[in-house]
Amino acid sequence: MRIFALALVLALGGTVAFAADDDDKVPDADMTKLKAALAELGCTDGEGFKKEAEGIYEVDDAKCKMGTVDIKLDKDFKVILTSRY
């Protein structure tokens, strides 16, 4: 019985984690705008794109002329924060 309960908890936990990943996914239409905003900064694709709460977008490890940076953009795709390594 304990093994069954543990398997059930693990299965439900995996489902919850999967759903949370979908919440962070950037819609295709917004991805196009994000890539255009990056290009204006002289940056190419990053390692990861996320949509955070309140319409904030995060790009991890963007390859830019100034080096590798993390970038946060607002809902209008304007840069609000950059972090350089």
N, C-alpha and C. Protein backbone atom coordinates (compact mmCIF):
# COMPACT_ATOMS: atom_id res chain seq x y z
N MET A 1 0.82 -1.19 0.00
CA MET A 1 0.00 0.00 0.00
C MET A 1 0.87 1.26 0.00
N ARG A 2 1.96 1.26 0.76
CA ARG A 2 2.84 2.43 0.79
C ARG A 2 3.47 2.69 -0.57
N ILE A 3 3.83 1.63 -1.26
CA ILE A 3 4.45 1.79 -2.58
C ILE A 3 3.45 2.42 -3.54
N PHE A 4 2.19 1.98 -3.46
CA PHE A 4 1.16 2.56 -4.32
C PHE A 4 0.98 4.04 -4.01
N ALA A 5 0.92 4.40 -2.73
CA ALA A 5 0.75 5.80 -2.34
C ALA A 5 1.93 6.65 -2.81
N LEU A 6 3.14 6.13 -2.67
CA LEU A 6 4.33 6.85 -3.13
C LEU A 6 4.30 7.03 -4.64
N ALA A 7 3.92 5.99 -5.36
CA ALA A 7 3.83 6.08 -6.82
C ALA A 7 2.79 7.12 -7.23
N LEU A 8 1.68 7.18 -6.52
CA LEU A 8 0.64 8.15 -6.81
C LEU A 8 1.13 9.58 -6.56
N VAL A 9 1.81 9.77 -5.45
CA VAL A 9 2.34 11.11 -5.13
C VAL A 9 3.36 11.54 -6.18
N LEU A 10 4.25 10.64 -6.57
CA LEU A 10 5.24 10.97 -7.59
C LEU A 10 4.59 11.27 -8.93
N ALA A 11 3.57 10.50 -9.27
CA ALA A 11 2.87 10.73 -10.54
C ALA A 11 2.18 12.09 -10.54
N LEU A 12 1.52 12.43 -9.45
CA LEU A 12 0.85 13.72 -9.36
C LEU A 12 1.85 14.87 -9.33
N GLY A 13 2.96 14.68 -8.65
CA GLY A 13 4.00 15.71 -8.60
C GLY A 13 4.56 15.98 -9.97
N GLY A 14 4.76 14.94 -10.77
CA GLY A 14 5.26 15.11 -12.13
C GLY A 14 4.27 15.87 -12.99
N THR A 15 2.99 15.63 -12.79
CA THR A 15 1.96 16.33 -13.55
C THR A 15 1.94 17.80 -13.18
N VAL A 16 2.06 18.10 -11.92
CA VAL A 16 2.05 19.48 -11.46
C VAL A 16 3.27 20.22 -12.02
N ALA A 17 4.43 19.60 -11.99
CA ALA A 17 5.64 20.23 -12.52
C ALA A 17 5.50 20.48 -14.01
N PHE A 18 4.89 19.55 -14.73
CA PHE A 18 4.69 19.71 -16.16
C PHE A 18 3.77 20.89 -16.45
N ALA A 19 2.71 21.03 -15.67
CA ALA A 19 1.77 22.13 -15.87
C ALA A 19 2.46 23.47 -15.60
N ALA A 20 3.33 23.53 -14.61
CA ALA A 20 4.02 24.78 -14.31
C ALA A 20 4.94 25.18 -15.46
N ASP A 21 5.56 24.20 -16.13
CA ASP A 21 6.42 24.51 -17.27
C ASP A 21 5.61 25.13 -18.40
N ASP A 22 4.39 24.66 -18.62
CA ASP A 22 3.54 25.21 -19.67
C ASP A 22 3.16 26.66 -19.38
N ASP A 23 3.01 27.00 -18.10
CA ASP A 23 2.65 28.37 -17.73
C ASP A 23 3.75 29.36 -18.11
N ASP A 24 5.01 28.93 -18.11
CA ASP A 24 6.15 29.79 -18.42
C ASP A 24 6.39 29.92 -19.93
N LYS A 25 5.74 29.08 -20.72
CA LYS A 25 6.00 29.05 -22.15
C LYS A 25 5.56 30.35 -22.82
N VAL A 26 6.43 30.86 -23.66
CA VAL A 26 6.13 32.10 -24.40
C VAL A 26 5.33 31.73 -25.65
N PRO A 27 4.17 32.37 -25.85
CA PRO A 27 3.38 32.10 -27.06
C PRO A 27 4.18 32.45 -28.33
N ASP A 28 3.90 31.75 -29.41
CA ASP A 28 4.63 31.94 -30.67
C ASP A 28 4.62 33.39 -31.15
N ALA A 29 3.47 34.06 -31.07
CA ALA A 29 3.38 35.46 -31.53
C ALA A 29 4.29 36.36 -30.70
N ASP A 30 4.37 36.10 -29.40
CA ASP A 30 5.25 36.89 -28.54
C ASP A 30 6.71 36.54 -28.77
N MET A 31 6.99 35.30 -29.12
CA MET A 31 8.38 34.89 -29.39
C MET A 31 8.95 35.68 -30.56
N THR A 32 8.14 35.92 -31.58
CA THR A 32 8.58 36.71 -32.73
C THR A 32 8.95 38.13 -32.29
N LYS A 33 8.14 38.72 -31.42
CA LYS A 33 8.40 40.07 -30.92
C LYS A 33 9.64 40.09 -30.02
N LEU A 34 9.82 39.05 -29.22
CA LEU A 34 11.01 38.96 -28.37
C LEU A 34 12.28 38.90 -29.21
N LYS A 35 12.26 38.08 -30.24
CA LYS A 35 13.45 37.95 -31.10
C LYS A 35 13.73 39.25 -31.84
N ALA A 36 12.69 39.99 -32.21
CA ALA A 36 12.89 41.29 -32.86
C ALA A 36 13.51 42.28 -31.88
N ALA A 37 13.06 42.26 -30.63
CA ALA A 37 13.62 43.15 -29.61
C ALA A 37 15.09 42.80 -29.35
N LEU A 38 15.41 41.52 -29.33
CA LEU A 38 16.80 41.09 -29.16
C LEU A 38 17.66 41.56 -30.32
N ALA A 39 17.14 41.44 -31.52
CA ALA A 39 17.90 41.86 -32.70
C ALA A 39 18.21 43.36 -32.65
N GLU A 40 17.27 44.17 -32.16
CA GLU A 40 17.51 45.61 -32.03
C GLU A 40 18.65 45.90 -31.05
N LEU A 41 18.84 45.01 -30.08
CA LEU A 41 19.93 45.17 -29.10
C LEU A 41 21.25 44.60 -29.61
N GLY A 42 21.21 43.97 -30.79
CA GLY A 42 22.41 43.32 -31.30
C GLY A 42 22.63 41.96 -30.69
N CYS A 43 21.55 41.31 -30.29
CA CYS A 43 21.63 40.00 -29.64
C CYS A 43 20.99 38.93 -30.53
N THR A 44 21.46 37.71 -30.34
CA THR A 44 20.84 36.57 -31.00
C THR A 44 20.11 35.74 -29.94
N ASP A 45 19.60 34.63 -30.36
CA ASP A 45 18.82 33.77 -29.46
C ASP A 45 19.51 33.52 -28.13
N GLY A 46 18.69 33.34 -27.11
CA GLY A 46 19.18 32.96 -25.80
C GLY A 46 18.98 31.48 -25.58
N GLU A 47 19.39 31.03 -24.41
CA GLU A 47 19.24 29.62 -24.04
C GLU A 47 17.83 29.29 -23.58
N GLY A 48 17.13 30.28 -23.05
CA GLY A 48 15.79 30.02 -22.55
C GLY A 48 14.93 31.27 -22.59
N PHE A 49 13.67 31.08 -22.91
CA PHE A 49 12.71 32.16 -22.95
C PHE A 49 11.57 31.80 -22.01
N LYS A 50 11.19 32.73 -21.12
CA LYS A 50 10.11 32.47 -20.17
C LYS A 50 9.19 33.67 -20.10
N LYS A 51 7.93 33.39 -19.85
CA LYS A 51 6.97 34.45 -19.55
C LYS A 51 6.70 34.38 -18.06
N GLU A 52 7.01 35.45 -17.36
CA GLU A 52 6.81 35.50 -15.92
C GLU A 52 5.50 36.21 -15.60
N ALA A 53 5.20 36.33 -14.34
CA ALA A 53 4.00 37.02 -13.88
C ALA A 53 3.98 38.46 -14.36
N GLU A 54 2.80 39.01 -14.47
CA GLU A 54 2.62 40.41 -14.85
C GLU A 54 3.13 40.75 -16.25
N GLY A 55 3.27 39.76 -17.12
CA GLY A 55 3.67 40.02 -18.49
C GLY A 55 5.14 40.33 -18.68
N ILE A 56 5.98 39.94 -17.74
CA ILE A 56 7.42 40.14 -17.86
C ILE A 56 8.01 38.94 -18.58
N TYR A 57 8.88 39.21 -19.53
CA TYR A 57 9.55 38.15 -20.27
C TYR A 57 11.01 38.09 -19.85
N GLU A 58 11.56 36.87 -19.78
CA GLU A 58 12.96 36.69 -19.43
C GLU A 58 13.65 35.88 -20.51
N VAL A 59 14.82 36.36 -20.91
CA VAL A 59 15.67 35.64 -21.87
C VAL A 59 16.97 35.32 -21.15
N ASP A 60 17.26 34.05 -21.02
CA ASP A 60 18.49 33.61 -20.36
C ASP A 60 19.60 33.42 -21.38
N ASP A 61 20.78 33.89 -21.04
CA ASP A 61 22.00 33.65 -21.83
C ASP A 61 21.89 34.11 -23.28
N ALA A 62 21.38 35.32 -23.48
CA ALA A 62 21.33 35.90 -24.82
C ALA A 62 22.76 36.22 -25.27
N LYS A 63 23.07 35.91 -26.50
CA LYS A 63 24.40 36.19 -27.07
C LYS A 63 24.37 37.57 -27.70
N CYS A 64 25.03 38.52 -27.05
CA CYS A 64 25.01 39.92 -27.49
C CYS A 64 26.42 40.40 -27.80
N LYS A 65 26.51 41.55 -28.46
CA LYS A 65 27.81 42.13 -28.78
C LYS A 65 28.61 42.41 -27.51
N MET A 66 27.91 42.76 -26.42
CA MET A 66 28.58 43.06 -25.16
C MET A 66 28.92 41.81 -24.35
N GLY A 67 28.50 40.65 -24.84
CA GLY A 67 28.75 39.39 -24.13
C GLY A 67 27.46 38.63 -23.90
N THR A 68 27.51 37.65 -23.05
CA THR A 68 26.33 36.86 -22.71
C THR A 68 25.58 37.53 -21.57
N VAL A 69 24.30 37.77 -21.78
CA VAL A 69 23.49 38.47 -20.77
C VAL A 69 22.13 37.81 -20.59
N ASP A 70 21.56 38.04 -19.41
CA ASP A 70 20.16 37.72 -19.16
C ASP A 70 19.40 39.03 -19.33
N ILE A 71 18.24 38.96 -19.96
CA ILE A 71 17.48 40.17 -20.26
C ILE A 71 16.04 39.99 -19.80
N LYS A 72 15.48 41.02 -19.18
CA LYS A 72 14.06 41.05 -18.84
C LYS A 72 13.42 42.17 -19.63
N LEU A 73 12.25 41.86 -20.20
CA LEU A 73 11.51 42.83 -20.99
C LEU A 73 10.10 42.95 -20.43
N ASP A 74 9.51 44.14 -20.59
CA ASP A 74 8.14 44.33 -20.12
C ASP A 74 7.14 43.81 -21.15
N LYS A 75 5.87 44.02 -20.87
CA LYS A 75 4.81 43.49 -21.75
C LYS A 75 4.82 44.13 -23.13
N ASP A 76 5.50 45.29 -23.26
CA ASP A 76 5.62 45.97 -24.55
C ASP A 76 6.95 45.66 -25.23
N PHE A 77 7.68 44.67 -24.68
CA PHE A 77 8.96 44.19 -25.22
C PHE A 77 10.06 45.25 -25.15
N LYS A 78 9.99 46.10 -24.12
CA LYS A 78 11.03 47.09 -23.84
C LYS A 78 11.92 46.52 -22.73
N VAL A 79 13.22 46.68 -22.86
CA VAL A 79 14.17 46.15 -21.88
C VAL A 79 14.01 46.88 -20.56
N ILE A 80 13.89 46.09 -19.47
CA ILE A 80 13.80 46.70 -18.15
C ILE A 80 14.99 46.29 -17.27
N LEU A 81 15.72 45.23 -17.67
CA LEU A 81 16.86 44.79 -16.87
C LEU A 81 17.77 43.91 -17.72
N THR A 82 19.07 44.13 -17.57
CA THR A 82 20.04 43.22 -18.16
C THR A 82 21.04 42.83 -17.08
N SER A 83 21.47 41.60 -17.11
CA SER A 83 22.47 41.10 -16.17
C SER A 83 23.59 40.46 -16.98
N ARG A 84 24.78 40.98 -16.84
CA ARG A 84 25.92 40.45 -17.60
C ARG A 84 26.76 39.55 -16.70
N TYR A 85 27.29 38.50 -17.25
CA TYR A 85 28.13 37.57 -16.50
C TYR A 85 29.51 38.12 -16.35
